Amino acid sequence: MGTASCIAFLFGCVGVIVCVYTVPRMVIDGVLTGVEGILLACAMILMIVGGGALARVAPTISTLLVLTFLFMLGALPYVRYLLRDRGNWAIAQQDIERYERSLAFDSSLNAARVALGDTYRELGLYDKAVEYYEDALDREPEHREAHKGLEECLKLQSVARKETWLCHICSAANDPRDERCFNCETPRGRLVRTPLFHRLSPWVFGGAQAVVMLLLVADRLSDFGALGVTVLIAGAFYTLYSFDPTGDI
């Protein structure tokens, strides 16, 4: 497997560079913990090192390790998308700490209370958000943003309890038994449906890669061919979730 082995090694080196760039960013953004990032990076680097070490002794296993490494590399943006709530929570925690420090310094800063209410509302912690909105209104009954935030929060709280559903057109709260909005007659449901391809993409890419590996083991596909197809699959997977991470999986 001489030529294929050399090309696989080159792809592995480029992959390590991409891995070293991507994984620390996921840690910084709060998507992965420091320990998880280290373990993931070490596992991927060990795969490419092991692939190189076994190139002469067990060429097929070596190629499989390289292909697995490349596919895992392509899946990193998908993992980032899948764990996006972790990142959002990490950012929100920083905001919460900043606003709480502001209140500790000056308890009259009602804007900080409203901001805390907004942050907790975005996290789905509606009871906590209501506390901050009501506290802000106790100190300043005419605070427009606090009134607006509290009203929105109570709506979402009602939806979370399945007491009502919100129209995605006019945001009116509707009785759970109604199938159309009482205000604008819009049918109950989502405004935008997730494309089928986006929902199936992890299974499509994973299935395609599994087929490539099976063909390689069965000697139906050369090492060089398997490497080329894997690069295409991993590249498409990486690109899809790097530049269009909008679908609901």
Protein backbone atom coordinates (compact mmCIF):
# COMPACT_ATOMS: atom_id res chain seq x y z
CA MET A 1 0.00 0.00 0.00
CA GLY A 2 2.94 2.32 -0.57
CA THR A 3 1.40 5.30 -2.38
CA ALA A 4 -1.88 5.12 -0.51
CA SER A 5 0.02 4.92 2.78
CA CYS A 6 1.97 8.09 2.01
CA ILE A 7 -1.15 9.98 0.93
CA ALA A 8 -3.00 8.75 4.04
CA PHE A 9 -0.15 10.01 6.20
CA LEU A 10 -0.32 13.43 4.51
CA PHE A 11 -4.07 13.61 5.00
CA GLY A 12 -3.52 12.57 8.61
CA CYS A 13 -1.06 15.40 9.18
CA VAL A 14 -3.50 17.94 7.74
CA GLY A 15 -6.25 16.36 9.86
CA VAL A 16 -4.19 16.74 13.02
CA ILE A 17 -3.78 20.45 12.25
CA VAL A 18 -7.55 20.83 11.77
CA CYS A 19 -8.16 18.83 14.97
CA VAL A 20 -5.75 21.00 16.96
CA TYR A 21 -7.58 24.09 15.64
CA THR A 22 -11.16 22.85 16.13
CA VAL A 23 -11.11 21.01 19.47
CA PRO A 24 -9.63 23.89 21.55
CA ARG A 25 -12.26 26.22 20.07
CA MET A 26 -14.98 23.82 21.21
CA VAL A 27 -13.46 23.90 24.71
CA ILE A 28 -13.22 27.70 24.73
CA ASP A 29 -16.85 27.99 23.60
CA GLY A 30 -17.96 25.67 26.41
CA VAL A 31 -19.18 22.91 24.08
CA LEU A 32 -16.65 20.48 25.58
CA THR A 33 -15.05 20.45 29.01
CA GLY A 34 -11.27 20.63 29.20
CA VAL A 35 -11.00 16.91 30.04
CA GLU A 36 -13.34 15.95 27.17
CA GLY A 37 -11.36 18.08 24.74
CA ILE A 38 -8.05 16.51 25.81
CA LEU A 39 -9.46 12.97 25.57
CA LEU A 40 -11.00 13.61 22.16
CA ALA A 41 -7.83 15.18 20.76
CA CYS A 42 -5.63 12.40 22.19
CA ALA A 43 -7.93 9.68 20.79
CA MET A 44 -7.85 11.22 17.32
CA ILE A 45 -4.11 11.79 17.33
CA LEU A 46 -3.52 8.22 18.57
CA MET A 47 -5.59 6.95 15.65
CA ILE A 48 -3.40 8.66 13.08
CA VAL A 49 -0.20 7.67 14.92
CA GLY A 50 -1.42 4.08 15.20
CA GLY A 51 -2.31 4.11 11.52
CA GLY A 52 1.22 5.14 10.64
CA ALA A 53 2.79 2.58 12.99
CA LEU A 54 0.75 -0.29 11.52
CA ALA A 55 1.23 0.71 7.90
CA ARG A 56 3.72 -2.11 7.20
CA VAL A 57 2.57 -4.73 9.70
CA ALA A 58 -1.23 -4.55 9.20
CA PRO A 59 -2.00 -2.29 6.22
CA THR A 60 -5.77 -2.86 6.28
CA ILE A 61 -6.08 -1.99 9.98
CA SER A 62 -3.83 1.00 9.38
CA THR A 63 -6.10 2.25 6.62
CA LEU A 64 -9.23 1.68 8.74
CA LEU A 65 -7.72 3.76 11.56
CA VAL A 66 -6.91 6.59 9.16
CA LEU A 67 -10.41 6.46 7.65
CA THR A 68 -12.00 6.48 11.12
CA PHE A 69 -9.84 9.46 12.07
CA LEU A 70 -10.86 11.39 8.96
CA PHE A 71 -14.55 10.65 9.46
CA MET A 72 -14.38 11.71 13.13
CA LEU A 73 -12.70 14.91 11.99
CA GLY A 74 -15.55 15.56 9.58
CA ALA A 75 -18.07 14.96 12.37
CA LEU A 76 -16.58 17.56 14.76
CA PRO A 77 -18.88 20.43 13.63
CA TYR A 78 -21.85 18.09 14.03
CA VAL A 79 -20.76 17.31 17.61
CA ARG A 80 -20.42 21.05 18.18
CA TYR A 81 -23.97 21.55 16.85
CA LEU A 82 -25.35 18.66 18.90
CA LEU A 83 -23.86 20.10 22.11
CA ARG A 84 -24.67 23.72 21.26
CA ASP A 85 -26.81 24.13 24.42
CA ARG A 86 -23.66 23.61 26.50
CA GLY A 87 -22.02 26.53 24.72
CA ASN A 88 -25.11 28.73 25.14
CA TRP A 89 -25.20 27.89 28.84
CA ALA A 90 -21.50 28.73 29.27
CA ILE A 91 -22.02 32.13 27.62
CA ALA A 92 -25.15 32.77 29.70
CA GLN A 93 -23.27 31.90 32.90
CA GLN A 94 -20.69 34.57 32.11
CA ASP A 95 -23.48 37.11 31.56
CA ILE A 96 -25.19 36.10 34.82
CA GLU A 97 -21.97 36.50 36.79
CA ARG A 98 -21.35 39.92 35.24
CA TYR A 99 -24.87 41.21 36.04
CA GLU A 100 -24.73 39.83 39.58
CA ARG A 101 -21.42 41.62 40.17
CA SER A 102 -23.05 44.83 38.94
CA LEU A 103 -25.93 44.40 41.40
CA ALA A 104 -23.52 43.63 44.22
CA PHE A 105 -21.73 46.88 43.45
CA ASP A 106 -24.91 48.95 43.05
CA SER A 107 -28.26 47.37 44.05
CA SER A 108 -30.21 50.19 42.35
CA LEU A 109 -29.24 49.01 38.84
CA ASN A 110 -32.65 47.83 37.67
CA ALA A 111 -31.34 47.28 34.15
CA ALA A 112 -29.13 44.49 35.52
CA ARG A 113 -32.19 42.80 37.09
CA VAL A 114 -34.06 42.93 33.80
CA ALA A 115 -30.99 41.61 31.98
CA LEU A 116 -30.81 38.72 34.46
CA GLY A 117 -34.49 38.03 33.82
CA ASP A 118 -33.88 38.04 30.06
CA THR A 119 -30.92 35.66 30.42
CA TYR A 120 -32.81 33.18 32.60
CA ARG A 121 -35.78 33.36 30.23
CA GLU A 122 -33.55 32.46 27.28
CA LEU A 123 -32.23 29.50 29.28
CA GLY A 124 -35.80 28.32 29.90
CA LEU A 125 -35.57 28.98 33.67
CA TYR A 126 -38.85 30.89 33.74
CA ASP A 127 -39.47 30.84 37.52
CA LYS A 128 -36.08 32.45 38.14
CA ALA A 129 -36.69 34.99 35.36
CA VAL A 130 -40.08 35.96 36.83
CA GLU A 131 -38.41 36.63 40.19
CA TYR A 132 -36.02 39.16 38.66
CA TYR A 133 -38.70 40.85 36.55
CA GLU A 134 -41.00 41.21 39.57
CA ASP A 135 -38.13 42.49 41.70
CA ALA A 136 -37.39 45.12 39.05
CA LEU A 137 -41.07 46.14 38.91
CA ASP A 138 -41.27 46.40 42.70
CA ARG A 139 -38.50 48.99 42.57
CA GLU A 140 -39.68 50.69 39.36
CA PRO A 141 -43.36 49.88 38.56
CA GLU A 142 -43.30 51.68 35.19
CA HIS A 143 -40.21 49.93 33.82
CA ARG A 144 -41.23 49.13 30.24
CA GLU A 145 -38.63 46.41 29.56
CA ALA A 146 -39.46 44.61 32.79
CA HIS A 147 -43.18 44.61 31.92
CA LYS A 148 -42.44 43.33 28.42
CA GLY A 149 -40.05 40.63 29.67
CA LEU A 150 -42.47 39.48 32.38
CA GLU A 151 -45.35 39.24 29.91
CA GLU A 152 -43.25 37.20 27.48
CA CYS A 153 -41.94 35.01 30.27
CA LEU A 154 -45.43 34.23 31.59
CA LYS A 155 -46.48 33.24 28.05
CA LEU A 156 -43.54 30.87 27.71
CA GLN A 157 -44.14 29.53 31.20
CA SER A 158 -47.73 28.71 30.23
CA VAL A 159 -46.53 26.97 27.06
CA ALA A 160 -43.96 24.95 29.02
CA ARG A 161 -46.78 23.75 31.29
CA LYS A 162 -48.82 22.90 28.16
CA GLU A 163 -51.58 25.25 29.27
CA THR A 164 -51.40 27.17 25.97
CA TRP A 165 -49.54 27.17 22.63
CA LEU A 166 -48.08 30.22 20.89
CA CYS A 167 -48.86 31.10 17.30
CA HIS A 168 -45.63 31.30 15.29
CA ILE A 169 -47.08 34.19 13.22
CA CYS A 170 -48.61 36.62 15.72
CA SER A 171 -47.32 35.12 19.04
CA ALA A 172 -50.85 34.98 20.47
CA ALA A 173 -51.45 32.47 23.28
CA ASN A 174 -54.08 29.87 22.32
CA ASP A 175 -56.08 27.21 24.10
CA PRO A 176 -54.36 23.80 23.78
CA ARG A 177 -57.56 22.35 22.28
CA ASP A 178 -57.58 24.82 19.37
CA GLU A 179 -55.94 23.81 16.09
CA ARG A 180 -55.96 27.36 14.69
CA CYS A 181 -54.89 30.69 16.20
CA PHE A 182 -57.88 32.67 17.46
CA ASN A 183 -56.20 35.91 16.36
CA CYS A 184 -54.93 35.22 12.81
CA GLU A 185 -56.38 31.79 11.95
CA THR A 186 -52.90 30.33 11.37
CA PRO A 187 -52.83 26.51 11.75
CA ARG A 188 -51.00 25.18 14.77
CA GLY A 189 -47.45 24.08 13.97
CA ARG A 190 -43.95 25.32 13.17
CA LEU A 191 -43.26 28.14 10.74
CA VAL A 192 -40.22 26.43 9.20
CA ARG A 193 -39.86 22.71 8.84
CA THR A 194 -36.42 21.19 9.03
CA PRO A 195 -35.30 19.78 5.65
CA LEU A 196 -35.35 16.00 5.57
CA PHE A 197 -31.72 15.89 4.40
CA HIS A 198 -30.60 17.83 7.46
CA ARG A 199 -32.44 15.46 9.79
CA LEU A 200 -30.99 12.38 8.10
CA SER A 201 -27.50 13.71 7.36
CA PRO A 202 -25.63 12.06 10.31
CA TRP A 203 -27.14 8.68 9.36
CA VAL A 204 -26.46 9.26 5.66
CA PHE A 205 -22.80 10.14 6.20
CA GLY A 206 -22.27 7.46 8.85
CA GLY A 207 -23.92 4.79 6.69
CA ALA A 208 -21.89 5.79 3.64
CA GLN A 209 -18.67 5.61 5.63
CA ALA A 210 -19.59 2.20 7.05
CA VAL A 211 -20.16 0.91 3.50
CA VAL A 212 -16.74 2.24 2.44
CA MET A 213 -15.05 0.40 5.31
CA LEU A 214 -16.91 -2.84 4.59
CA LEU A 215 -15.91 -2.65 0.91
CA LEU A 216 -12.31 -2.07 1.95
CA VAL A 217 -12.28 -5.10 4.29
CA ALA A 218 -13.91 -7.23 1.57
CA ASP A 219 -11.23 -6.16 -0.95
CA ARG A 220 -13.88 -4.55 -3.15
CA LEU A 221 -12.29 -1.15 -2.80
CA SER A 222 -8.64 -0.22 -2.88
CA ASP A 223 -6.92 1.64 -0.03
CA PHE A 224 -6.49 4.65 -2.26
CA GLY A 225 -10.14 4.57 -3.37
CA ALA A 226 -11.41 4.22 0.20
CA LEU A 227 -9.25 7.13 1.27
CA GLY A 228 -10.56 9.33 -1.54
CA VAL A 229 -14.22 8.52 -0.86
CA THR A 230 -13.75 9.08 2.90
CA VAL A 231 -12.20 12.50 2.29
CA LEU A 232 -15.25 13.44 0.20
CA ILE A 233 -17.69 12.15 2.84
CA ALA A 234 -15.86 13.78 5.75
CA GLY A 235 -15.44 17.04 3.83
CA ALA A 236 -19.16 17.21 3.01
CA PHE A 237 -20.11 16.39 6.62
CA TYR A 238 -17.70 19.01 7.98
CA THR A 239 -18.96 21.66 5.54
CA LEU A 240 -22.67 21.01 6.18
CA TYR A 241 -22.48 21.69 9.90
CA SER A 242 -19.78 24.35 9.69
CA PHE A 243 -21.74 26.68 7.43
CA ASP A 244 -25.39 25.59 7.82
CA PRO A 245 -25.90 24.37 11.39
CA THR A 246 -29.63 25.23 11.42
CA GLY A 247 -31.45 21.92 11.31
CA ASP A 248 -33.02 20.19 14.25
CA ILE A 249 -31.63 16.69 14.70
